[in-house]
Amino acid sequence: PTQKTISSMARMIHISSKENDIILDPFLGSGTTAVAAKQLGRKFIGIEISEKYCEIARGRLRQEVLF
């Protein structure tokens, strides 16, 4: 397990992709990469084996305000 901040993931996504690109996160966890991708107007695919973490990520992505 690793913890990443939304701002650090957003920085990486911003410099390595453009709007409407698809970001793949094969280890979704709580969805930090997906949240950052959504904030930056990227599409994303997240893969996670744990149903618990899928629910956490889904809840975070449902929020209107992500900051």
C-alpha atoms as a PDB file:
ATOM      1  CA  PRO A   1       0.000   0.000   0.000  1.00  0.00           C
ATOM      2  CA  THR A   2       1.137   3.518  -0.799  1.00  0.00           C
ATOM      3  CA  GLN A   3      -0.458   6.840  -0.023  1.00  0.00           C
ATOM      4  CA  LYS A   4      -0.512   9.543  -2.667  1.00  0.00           C
ATOM      5  CA  THR A   5      -2.029  12.998  -2.424  1.00  0.00           C
ATOM      6  CA  ILE A   6      -4.514  14.208  -5.002  1.00  0.00           C
ATOM      7  CA  SER A   7      -2.234  17.149  -5.771  1.00  0.00           C
ATOM      8  CA  SER A   8       0.797  14.932  -6.486  1.00  0.00           C
ATOM      9  CA  MET A   9      -1.248  12.629  -8.731  1.00  0.00           C
ATOM     10  CA  ALA A  10      -2.820  15.627 -10.487  1.00  0.00           C
ATOM     11  CA  ARG A  11       0.643  17.033 -11.180  1.00  0.00           C
ATOM     12  CA  MET A  12       1.796  13.749 -12.736  1.00  0.00           C
ATOM     13  CA  ILE A  13      -1.378  13.376 -14.792  1.00  0.00           C
ATOM     14  CA  HIS A  14      -1.222  17.007 -15.948  1.00  0.00           C
ATOM     15  CA  ILE A  15       2.340  16.756 -17.282  1.00  0.00           C
ATOM     16  CA  SER A  16       1.908  13.325 -18.891  1.00  0.00           C
ATOM     17  CA  SER A  17      -1.503  13.599 -20.585  1.00  0.00           C
ATOM     18  CA  LYS A  18      -4.005  15.966 -22.134  1.00  0.00           C
ATOM     19  CA  GLU A  19      -7.732  16.543 -21.650  1.00  0.00           C
ATOM     20  CA  ASN A  20      -9.927  13.558 -22.659  1.00  0.00           C
ATOM     21  CA  ASP A  21      -6.999  11.105 -22.494  1.00  0.00           C
ATOM     22  CA  ILE A  22      -7.664   7.861 -20.632  1.00  0.00           C
ATOM     23  CA  ILE A  23      -5.742   7.232 -17.411  1.00  0.00           C
ATOM     24  CA  LEU A  24      -5.324   3.595 -16.337  1.00  0.00           C
ATOM     25  CA  ASP A  25      -4.830   2.772 -12.668  1.00  0.00           C
ATOM     26  CA  PRO A  26      -4.490  -1.009 -12.245  1.00  0.00           C
ATOM     27  CA  PHE A  27      -4.312  -0.626  -8.441  1.00  0.00           C
ATOM     28  CA  LEU A  28      -7.222   1.760  -7.751  1.00  0.00           C
ATOM     29  CA  GLY A  29      -7.198   1.660  -3.960  1.00  0.00           C
ATOM     30  CA  SER A  30      -9.286   4.525  -2.589  1.00  0.00           C
ATOM     31  CA  GLY A  31      -9.382   6.231  -5.989  1.00  0.00           C
ATOM     32  CA  THR A  32      -6.917   9.097  -5.625  1.00  0.00           C
ATOM     33  CA  THR A  33      -5.694   8.773  -9.212  1.00  0.00           C
ATOM     34  CA  ALA A  34      -9.279   8.593 -10.489  1.00  0.00           C
ATOM     35  CA  VAL A  35     -10.246  11.709  -8.522  1.00  0.00           C
ATOM     36  CA  ALA A  36      -7.249  13.620  -9.899  1.00  0.00           C
ATOM     37  CA  ALA A  37      -8.047  12.452 -13.433  1.00  0.00           C
ATOM     38  CA  LYS A  38     -11.660  13.570 -13.082  1.00  0.00           C
ATOM     39  CA  GLN A  39     -10.566  16.993 -11.792  1.00  0.00           C
ATOM     40  CA  LEU A  40      -8.340  17.433 -14.834  1.00  0.00           C
ATOM     41  CA  GLY A  41     -10.956  16.362 -17.396  1.00  0.00           C
ATOM     42  CA  ARG A  42      -9.388  12.984 -18.126  1.00  0.00           C
ATOM     43  CA  LYS A  43     -11.258   9.721 -18.485  1.00  0.00           C
ATOM     44  CA  PHE A  44     -10.054   6.866 -16.317  1.00  0.00           C
ATOM     45  CA  ILE A  45     -10.145   3.132 -15.836  1.00  0.00           C
ATOM     46  CA  GLY A  46      -9.522   1.811 -12.346  1.00  0.00           C
ATOM     47  CA  ILE A  47      -8.945  -1.820 -11.414  1.00  0.00           C
ATOM     48  CA  GLU A  48      -9.197  -3.005  -7.832  1.00  0.00           C
ATOM     49  CA  ILE A  49      -9.518  -6.506  -6.365  1.00  0.00           C
ATOM     50  CA  SER A  50     -11.020  -5.365  -3.055  1.00  0.00           C
ATOM     51  CA  GLU A  51     -14.736  -4.609  -3.112  1.00  0.00           C
ATOM     52  CA  LYS A  52     -14.268  -2.447  -0.014  1.00  0.00           C
ATOM     53  CA  TYR A  53     -11.845  -0.142  -1.812  1.00  0.00           C
ATOM     54  CA  CYS A  54     -14.062  -0.052  -4.921  1.00  0.00           C
ATOM     55  CA  GLU A  55     -16.882   1.298  -2.743  1.00  0.00           C
ATOM     56  CA  ILE A  56     -14.590   3.900  -1.174  1.00  0.00           C
ATOM     57  CA  ALA A  57     -13.416   5.078  -4.605  1.00  0.00           C
ATOM     58  CA  ARG A  58     -16.966   5.155  -5.943  1.00  0.00           C
ATOM     59  CA  GLY A  59     -18.046   7.317  -3.006  1.00  0.00           C
ATOM     60  CA  ARG A  60     -15.196   9.758  -3.564  1.00  0.00           C
ATOM     61  CA  LEU A  61     -16.008  10.058  -7.265  1.00  0.00           C
ATOM     62  CA  ARG A  62     -19.686  10.775  -6.559  1.00  0.00           C
ATOM     63  CA  GLN A  63     -18.816  13.941  -4.656  1.00  0.00           C
ATOM     64  CA  GLU A  64     -19.628  17.175  -6.467  1.00  0.00           C
ATOM     65  CA  VAL A  65     -16.672  19.058  -4.972  1.00  0.00           C
ATOM     66  CA  LEU A  66     -13.478  17.029  -5.074  1.00  0.00           C
ATOM     67  CA  PHE A  67     -11.032  19.536  -3.570  1.00  0.00           C
END
